[in-house]
N, C-alpha and C. Protein backbone atom coordinates (compact mmCIF):
# COMPACT_ATOMS: atom_id res chain seq x y z
N MET A 1 5.18 -106.22 224.99
CA MET A 1 4.72 -105.72 226.26
C MET A 1 3.20 -105.85 226.32
N ALA A 2 2.69 -106.47 227.35
CA ALA A 2 1.25 -106.67 227.49
C ALA A 2 0.57 -105.40 227.94
N LYS A 3 -0.61 -105.17 227.43
CA LYS A 3 -1.39 -103.98 227.78
C LYS A 3 -2.30 -104.30 228.95
N ARG A 4 -2.38 -103.37 229.90
CA ARG A 4 -3.35 -103.48 230.99
C ARG A 4 -4.66 -102.92 230.49
N LYS A 5 -5.75 -103.35 231.08
CA LYS A 5 -7.04 -102.81 230.67
C LYS A 5 -7.61 -101.88 231.71
N GLU A 6 -7.33 -102.11 232.97
CA GLU A 6 -7.93 -101.28 234.00
C GLU A 6 -7.17 -99.97 234.15
N ALA A 7 -7.88 -98.97 234.66
CA ALA A 7 -7.26 -97.68 234.91
C ALA A 7 -6.31 -97.80 236.09
N PRO A 8 -5.30 -96.93 236.16
CA PRO A 8 -4.36 -97.00 237.28
C PRO A 8 -5.09 -96.67 238.58
N GLY A 9 -4.54 -97.17 239.69
CA GLY A 9 -5.15 -96.90 240.99
C GLY A 9 -5.09 -95.43 241.34
N GLU A 10 -3.97 -94.80 241.05
CA GLU A 10 -3.82 -93.38 241.34
C GLU A 10 -4.38 -92.55 240.20
N ARG A 11 -4.96 -91.42 240.54
CA ARG A 11 -5.50 -90.53 239.52
C ARG A 11 -4.37 -89.93 238.71
N ILE A 12 -4.67 -89.63 237.48
CA ILE A 12 -3.72 -88.98 236.57
C ILE A 12 -4.04 -87.50 236.55
N SER A 13 -3.02 -86.67 236.76
CA SER A 13 -3.21 -85.21 236.76
C SER A 13 -3.49 -84.72 235.34
N ASP A 14 -3.91 -83.47 235.24
CA ASP A 14 -4.15 -82.87 233.92
C ASP A 14 -2.89 -82.87 233.08
N ALA A 15 -1.75 -82.55 233.68
CA ALA A 15 -0.48 -82.54 232.94
C ALA A 15 -0.11 -83.95 232.49
N GLU A 16 -0.28 -84.92 233.37
CA GLU A 16 0.01 -86.31 233.00
C GLU A 16 -0.93 -86.78 231.90
N TYR A 17 -2.18 -86.34 231.95
CA TYR A 17 -3.15 -86.70 230.92
C TYR A 17 -2.71 -86.17 229.56
N ALA A 18 -2.14 -84.97 229.53
CA ALA A 18 -1.65 -84.41 228.27
C ALA A 18 -0.55 -85.29 227.68
N VAL A 19 0.31 -85.82 228.53
CA VAL A 19 1.36 -86.73 228.06
C VAL A 19 0.72 -88.03 227.57
N MET A 20 -0.26 -88.53 228.30
CA MET A 20 -0.94 -89.76 227.87
C MET A 20 -1.58 -89.57 226.50
N GLU A 21 -2.19 -88.41 226.26
CA GLU A 21 -2.81 -88.14 224.95
C GLU A 21 -1.78 -88.29 223.83
N VAL A 22 -0.57 -87.78 224.05
CA VAL A 22 0.50 -87.91 223.05
C VAL A 22 0.83 -89.38 222.83
N LEU A 23 0.95 -90.14 223.92
CA LEU A 23 1.30 -91.56 223.80
C LEU A 23 0.17 -92.38 223.20
N TRP A 24 -1.08 -92.01 223.49
CA TRP A 24 -2.20 -92.73 222.88
C TRP A 24 -2.26 -92.46 221.38
N GLU A 25 -1.85 -91.29 220.97
CA GLU A 25 -1.86 -90.95 219.55
C GLU A 25 -0.83 -91.77 218.78
N LYS A 26 0.36 -91.93 219.38
CA LYS A 26 1.42 -92.70 218.73
C LYS A 26 2.40 -93.17 219.80
N SER A 27 2.75 -94.42 219.75
CA SER A 27 3.74 -94.96 220.67
C SER A 27 4.34 -96.23 220.07
N PRO A 28 5.50 -96.60 220.52
CA PRO A 28 6.28 -96.02 221.59
C PRO A 28 7.01 -94.75 221.14
N LEU A 29 7.29 -93.90 222.13
CA LEU A 29 8.01 -92.66 221.90
C LEU A 29 9.08 -92.47 222.97
N THR A 30 10.15 -91.76 222.61
CA THR A 30 11.14 -91.37 223.60
C THR A 30 10.63 -90.11 224.31
N ALA A 31 11.28 -89.75 225.41
CA ALA A 31 10.93 -88.51 226.11
C ALA A 31 11.10 -87.31 225.17
N ALA A 32 12.14 -87.35 224.35
CA ALA A 32 12.37 -86.25 223.39
C ALA A 32 11.23 -86.17 222.37
N ASP A 33 10.75 -87.31 221.92
CA ASP A 33 9.62 -87.33 220.98
C ASP A 33 8.38 -86.71 221.62
N VAL A 34 8.11 -87.07 222.88
CA VAL A 34 6.97 -86.52 223.60
C VAL A 34 7.13 -85.01 223.72
N CYS A 35 8.34 -84.58 224.08
CA CYS A 35 8.60 -83.15 224.23
C CYS A 35 8.39 -82.43 222.90
N ASP A 36 8.85 -83.02 221.81
CA ASP A 36 8.67 -82.40 220.49
C ASP A 36 7.19 -82.13 220.20
N LYS A 37 6.32 -83.01 220.68
CA LYS A 37 4.89 -82.89 220.39
C LYS A 37 4.14 -81.98 221.35
N ILE A 38 4.70 -81.71 222.54
CA ILE A 38 3.90 -81.03 223.56
C ILE A 38 4.59 -79.85 224.24
N CYS A 39 5.90 -79.81 224.26
CA CYS A 39 6.61 -78.79 225.05
C CYS A 39 6.31 -77.36 224.60
N ALA A 40 6.31 -77.11 223.32
CA ALA A 40 6.11 -75.74 222.83
C ALA A 40 4.72 -75.22 223.19
N GLU A 41 3.69 -76.02 222.97
CA GLU A 41 2.33 -75.55 223.22
C GLU A 41 2.03 -75.38 224.71
N ARG A 42 2.75 -76.10 225.57
CA ARG A 42 2.50 -76.02 227.01
C ARG A 42 3.58 -75.24 227.75
N ASP A 43 4.58 -74.77 227.02
CA ASP A 43 5.70 -74.06 227.62
C ASP A 43 6.40 -74.93 228.67
N TRP A 44 6.62 -76.20 228.31
CA TRP A 44 7.30 -77.15 229.17
C TRP A 44 8.72 -77.35 228.68
N SER A 45 9.56 -77.90 229.56
CA SER A 45 10.93 -78.26 229.20
C SER A 45 11.06 -79.78 229.22
N MET A 46 12.20 -80.27 228.75
CA MET A 46 12.44 -81.72 228.75
C MET A 46 12.40 -82.29 230.18
N PRO A 47 12.98 -81.62 231.18
CA PRO A 47 12.87 -82.17 232.54
C PRO A 47 11.42 -82.31 233.01
N THR A 48 10.55 -81.40 232.61
CA THR A 48 9.13 -81.50 232.97
C THR A 48 8.53 -82.77 232.38
N VAL A 49 8.80 -83.01 231.10
CA VAL A 49 8.27 -84.21 230.44
C VAL A 49 8.82 -85.46 231.11
N LYS A 50 10.10 -85.48 231.41
CA LYS A 50 10.69 -86.66 232.06
C LYS A 50 10.07 -86.90 233.43
N THR A 51 9.80 -85.83 234.17
CA THR A 51 9.16 -85.96 235.48
C THR A 51 7.76 -86.56 235.32
N LEU A 52 7.00 -86.04 234.36
CA LEU A 52 5.64 -86.55 234.13
C LEU A 52 5.67 -88.01 233.69
N LEU A 53 6.60 -88.36 232.81
CA LEU A 53 6.72 -89.75 232.38
C LEU A 53 7.09 -90.65 233.56
N SER A 54 7.98 -90.20 234.43
CA SER A 54 8.36 -90.99 235.61
C SER A 54 7.17 -91.22 236.52
N ARG A 55 6.35 -90.18 236.69
CA ARG A 55 5.16 -90.33 237.52
C ARG A 55 4.20 -91.34 236.92
N LEU A 56 4.03 -91.27 235.59
CA LEU A 56 3.12 -92.20 234.92
C LEU A 56 3.64 -93.63 234.98
N VAL A 57 4.95 -93.81 234.92
CA VAL A 57 5.53 -95.15 235.07
C VAL A 57 5.26 -95.66 236.49
N ALA A 58 5.46 -94.78 237.49
CA ALA A 58 5.22 -95.17 238.88
C ALA A 58 3.75 -95.54 239.11
N LYS A 59 2.85 -94.89 238.40
CA LYS A 59 1.42 -95.17 238.52
C LYS A 59 0.99 -96.36 237.68
N GLU A 60 1.95 -96.95 236.97
CA GLU A 60 1.70 -98.09 236.08
C GLU A 60 0.74 -97.77 234.95
N ALA A 61 0.74 -96.50 234.55
CA ALA A 61 -0.06 -96.09 233.40
C ALA A 61 0.76 -96.15 232.12
N VAL A 62 2.08 -96.09 232.27
CA VAL A 62 3.02 -96.10 231.15
C VAL A 62 4.12 -97.12 231.44
N GLY A 63 4.53 -97.83 230.40
CA GLY A 63 5.63 -98.78 230.51
C GLY A 63 6.82 -98.29 229.73
N THR A 64 7.98 -98.84 230.06
CA THR A 64 9.22 -98.45 229.38
C THR A 64 9.89 -99.65 228.76
N GLU A 65 10.65 -99.35 227.73
CA GLU A 65 11.45 -100.35 227.05
C GLU A 65 12.79 -99.69 226.73
N PRO A 66 13.92 -100.28 227.17
CA PRO A 66 15.21 -99.64 226.90
C PRO A 66 15.53 -99.62 225.40
N LEU A 67 16.13 -98.52 224.99
CA LEU A 67 16.59 -98.35 223.61
C LEU A 67 17.94 -97.65 223.70
N GLY A 68 19.01 -98.44 223.83
CA GLY A 68 20.33 -97.85 224.04
C GLY A 68 20.35 -97.13 225.37
N ARG A 69 20.70 -95.84 225.35
CA ARG A 69 20.74 -95.05 226.59
C ARG A 69 19.42 -94.33 226.84
N LYS A 70 18.43 -94.56 226.00
CA LYS A 70 17.13 -93.92 226.13
C LYS A 70 16.08 -94.97 226.49
N PHE A 71 14.89 -94.49 226.72
CA PHE A 71 13.75 -95.38 226.95
C PHE A 71 12.65 -95.04 225.97
N LEU A 72 11.93 -96.07 225.56
CA LEU A 72 10.71 -95.89 224.79
C LEU A 72 9.54 -96.02 225.76
N TYR A 73 8.59 -95.12 225.64
CA TYR A 73 7.43 -95.10 226.53
C TYR A 73 6.17 -95.47 225.75
N SER A 74 5.36 -96.32 226.37
CA SER A 74 4.09 -96.76 225.77
C SER A 74 3.02 -96.79 226.86
N PRO A 75 1.79 -96.45 226.49
CA PRO A 75 0.71 -96.53 227.49
C PRO A 75 0.41 -97.98 227.84
N LEU A 76 0.14 -98.22 229.11
CA LEU A 76 -0.26 -99.55 229.57
C LEU A 76 -1.77 -99.63 229.75
N ILE A 77 -2.43 -98.50 229.63
CA ILE A 77 -3.89 -98.47 229.73
C ILE A 77 -4.43 -97.90 228.42
N GLU A 78 -5.57 -98.39 228.03
CA GLU A 78 -6.22 -97.89 226.83
C GLU A 78 -6.95 -96.59 227.15
N ARG A 79 -6.99 -95.69 226.19
CA ARG A 79 -7.66 -94.41 226.40
C ARG A 79 -9.13 -94.60 226.80
N ALA A 80 -9.82 -95.48 226.09
CA ALA A 80 -11.24 -95.71 226.36
C ALA A 80 -11.45 -96.23 227.78
N ASP A 81 -10.56 -97.09 228.26
CA ASP A 81 -10.68 -97.61 229.62
C ASP A 81 -10.46 -96.50 230.64
N TYR A 82 -9.48 -95.64 230.39
CA TYR A 82 -9.22 -94.54 231.31
C TYR A 82 -10.39 -93.56 231.34
N VAL A 83 -10.86 -93.17 230.17
CA VAL A 83 -11.98 -92.23 230.09
C VAL A 83 -13.22 -92.83 230.74
N GLY A 84 -13.46 -94.09 230.52
CA GLY A 84 -14.61 -94.75 231.15
C GLY A 84 -14.52 -94.73 232.66
N GLY A 85 -13.36 -95.03 233.19
CA GLY A 85 -13.16 -95.01 234.64
C GLY A 85 -13.32 -93.62 235.22
N GLU A 86 -12.77 -92.63 234.55
CA GLU A 86 -12.90 -91.25 235.02
C GLU A 86 -14.35 -90.78 234.95
N SER A 87 -15.06 -91.20 233.92
CA SER A 87 -16.48 -90.84 233.80
C SER A 87 -17.28 -91.40 234.96
N LEU A 88 -17.02 -92.65 235.31
CA LEU A 88 -17.73 -93.26 236.45
C LEU A 88 -17.38 -92.55 237.75
N ARG A 89 -16.10 -92.19 237.93
CA ARG A 89 -15.70 -91.46 239.14
C ARG A 89 -16.42 -90.12 239.23
N LEU A 90 -16.54 -89.43 238.10
CA LEU A 90 -17.23 -88.15 238.08
C LEU A 90 -18.69 -88.30 238.47
N VAL A 91 -19.36 -89.27 237.87
CA VAL A 91 -20.77 -89.49 238.17
C VAL A 91 -20.94 -89.90 239.64
N ASP A 92 -20.05 -90.75 240.13
CA ASP A 92 -20.13 -91.16 241.54
C ASP A 92 -19.93 -89.97 242.47
N ARG A 93 -18.91 -89.17 242.18
CA ARG A 93 -18.54 -88.07 243.08
C ARG A 93 -19.56 -86.94 243.07
N LEU A 94 -20.03 -86.56 241.90
CA LEU A 94 -20.91 -85.39 241.79
C LEU A 94 -22.40 -85.71 241.78
N PHE A 95 -22.75 -86.92 241.38
CA PHE A 95 -24.17 -87.23 241.19
C PHE A 95 -24.60 -88.52 241.88
N GLY A 96 -23.87 -88.93 242.88
CA GLY A 96 -24.28 -90.10 243.66
C GLY A 96 -24.38 -91.37 242.86
N GLY A 97 -23.60 -91.46 241.79
CA GLY A 97 -23.59 -92.68 240.98
C GLY A 97 -24.71 -92.76 239.96
N ARG A 98 -25.52 -91.70 239.84
CA ARG A 98 -26.64 -91.71 238.90
C ARG A 98 -26.33 -90.79 237.72
N ALA A 99 -26.53 -91.28 236.52
CA ALA A 99 -26.24 -90.51 235.31
C ALA A 99 -27.33 -89.49 234.97
N ALA A 100 -28.57 -89.79 235.33
CA ALA A 100 -29.68 -88.89 234.96
C ALA A 100 -29.47 -87.46 235.48
N PRO A 101 -29.03 -87.27 236.74
CA PRO A 101 -28.80 -85.90 237.20
C PRO A 101 -27.69 -85.18 236.41
N LEU A 102 -26.73 -85.94 235.91
CA LEU A 102 -25.69 -85.35 235.07
C LEU A 102 -26.30 -84.76 233.80
N PHE A 103 -27.13 -85.53 233.14
CA PHE A 103 -27.79 -85.05 231.92
C PHE A 103 -28.72 -83.88 232.22
N ALA A 104 -29.40 -83.96 233.35
CA ALA A 104 -30.28 -82.84 233.74
C ALA A 104 -29.46 -81.57 233.95
N GLN A 105 -28.31 -81.69 234.59
CA GLN A 105 -27.44 -80.54 234.83
C GLN A 105 -26.96 -79.96 233.50
N LEU A 106 -26.55 -80.82 232.59
CA LEU A 106 -26.08 -80.35 231.28
C LEU A 106 -27.21 -79.67 230.51
N ALA A 107 -28.41 -80.24 230.59
CA ALA A 107 -29.55 -79.65 229.89
C ALA A 107 -29.91 -78.30 230.48
N GLU A 108 -29.91 -78.19 231.81
CA GLU A 108 -30.24 -76.93 232.48
C GLU A 108 -29.25 -75.82 232.10
N ASN A 109 -28.01 -76.19 231.90
CA ASN A 109 -26.98 -75.21 231.56
C ASN A 109 -26.82 -75.03 230.06
N GLU A 110 -27.74 -75.62 229.30
CA GLU A 110 -27.73 -75.53 227.84
C GLU A 110 -26.39 -75.95 227.25
N ALA A 111 -25.82 -77.00 227.85
CA ALA A 111 -24.53 -77.50 227.40
C ALA A 111 -24.66 -78.62 226.38
N LEU A 112 -25.90 -79.00 226.07
CA LEU A 112 -26.13 -80.07 225.10
C LEU A 112 -26.62 -79.47 223.79
N SER A 113 -25.88 -79.76 222.72
CA SER A 113 -26.30 -79.29 221.40
C SER A 113 -27.37 -80.23 220.85
N GLU A 114 -27.97 -79.82 219.76
CA GLU A 114 -28.96 -80.68 219.10
C GLU A 114 -28.31 -82.01 218.70
N ARG A 115 -27.07 -81.93 218.23
CA ARG A 115 -26.35 -83.15 217.83
C ARG A 115 -26.10 -84.04 219.05
N ASP A 116 -25.74 -83.44 220.18
CA ASP A 116 -25.56 -84.22 221.41
C ASP A 116 -26.84 -84.96 221.76
N LEU A 117 -27.96 -84.25 221.70
CA LEU A 117 -29.25 -84.86 222.04
C LEU A 117 -29.57 -86.02 221.10
N GLU A 118 -29.30 -85.84 219.82
CA GLU A 118 -29.56 -86.91 218.85
C GLU A 118 -28.69 -88.13 219.16
N GLU A 119 -27.42 -87.90 219.51
CA GLU A 119 -26.52 -89.01 219.84
C GLU A 119 -26.97 -89.72 221.11
N ILE A 120 -27.41 -88.97 222.10
CA ILE A 120 -27.90 -89.57 223.35
C ILE A 120 -29.15 -90.39 223.07
N GLU A 121 -30.06 -89.85 222.28
CA GLU A 121 -31.27 -90.59 221.94
C GLU A 121 -30.93 -91.88 221.20
N ALA A 122 -29.98 -91.83 220.28
CA ALA A 122 -29.57 -93.03 219.55
C ALA A 122 -28.95 -94.06 220.51
N LEU A 123 -28.14 -93.60 221.43
CA LEU A 123 -27.55 -94.51 222.42
C LEU A 123 -28.62 -95.17 223.28
N LEU A 124 -29.59 -94.38 223.70
CA LEU A 124 -30.67 -94.92 224.53
C LEU A 124 -31.48 -95.96 223.75
N ARG A 125 -31.77 -95.67 222.49
CA ARG A 125 -32.51 -96.64 221.66
C ARG A 125 -31.70 -97.94 221.55
N GLU A 126 -30.42 -97.81 221.33
CA GLU A 126 -29.55 -98.98 221.17
C GLU A 126 -29.49 -99.80 222.47
N MET A 127 -29.44 -99.11 223.59
CA MET A 127 -29.37 -99.78 224.89
C MET A 127 -30.65 -100.53 225.22
N ARG A 128 -31.77 -100.04 224.73
CA ARG A 128 -33.07 -100.66 225.03
C ARG A 128 -33.34 -101.90 224.18
N LYS A 129 -32.56 -102.13 223.15
CA LYS A 129 -32.77 -103.29 222.28
C LYS A 129 -32.43 -104.58 222.99
């Protein structure tokens, strides 16, 4: 099964994202496998997981492969591609497409640790090369 690189056109909900995290960690998985990894901590049932998987298939974020009477589910988008797309949407929506105001907001709210600042500085140095 070929992997897509772009993020799906439709946004993925928080619940769907939790299912994607399970599939990004290990796949392919059956719906029962996904439920084993997530149902207890989220107080979900198997029908909930199946509904979320169906939505993700409809959004072309997850693909299926038949396995007897079951299906194996695998992500069609890479985690890094999805996170990158969501990051750009956030910056566009909240900061007019500019990243500097995002960092200013985080700094003003003291949300950046010393380690965060060091990593940002290293990234900036690398980008300027």
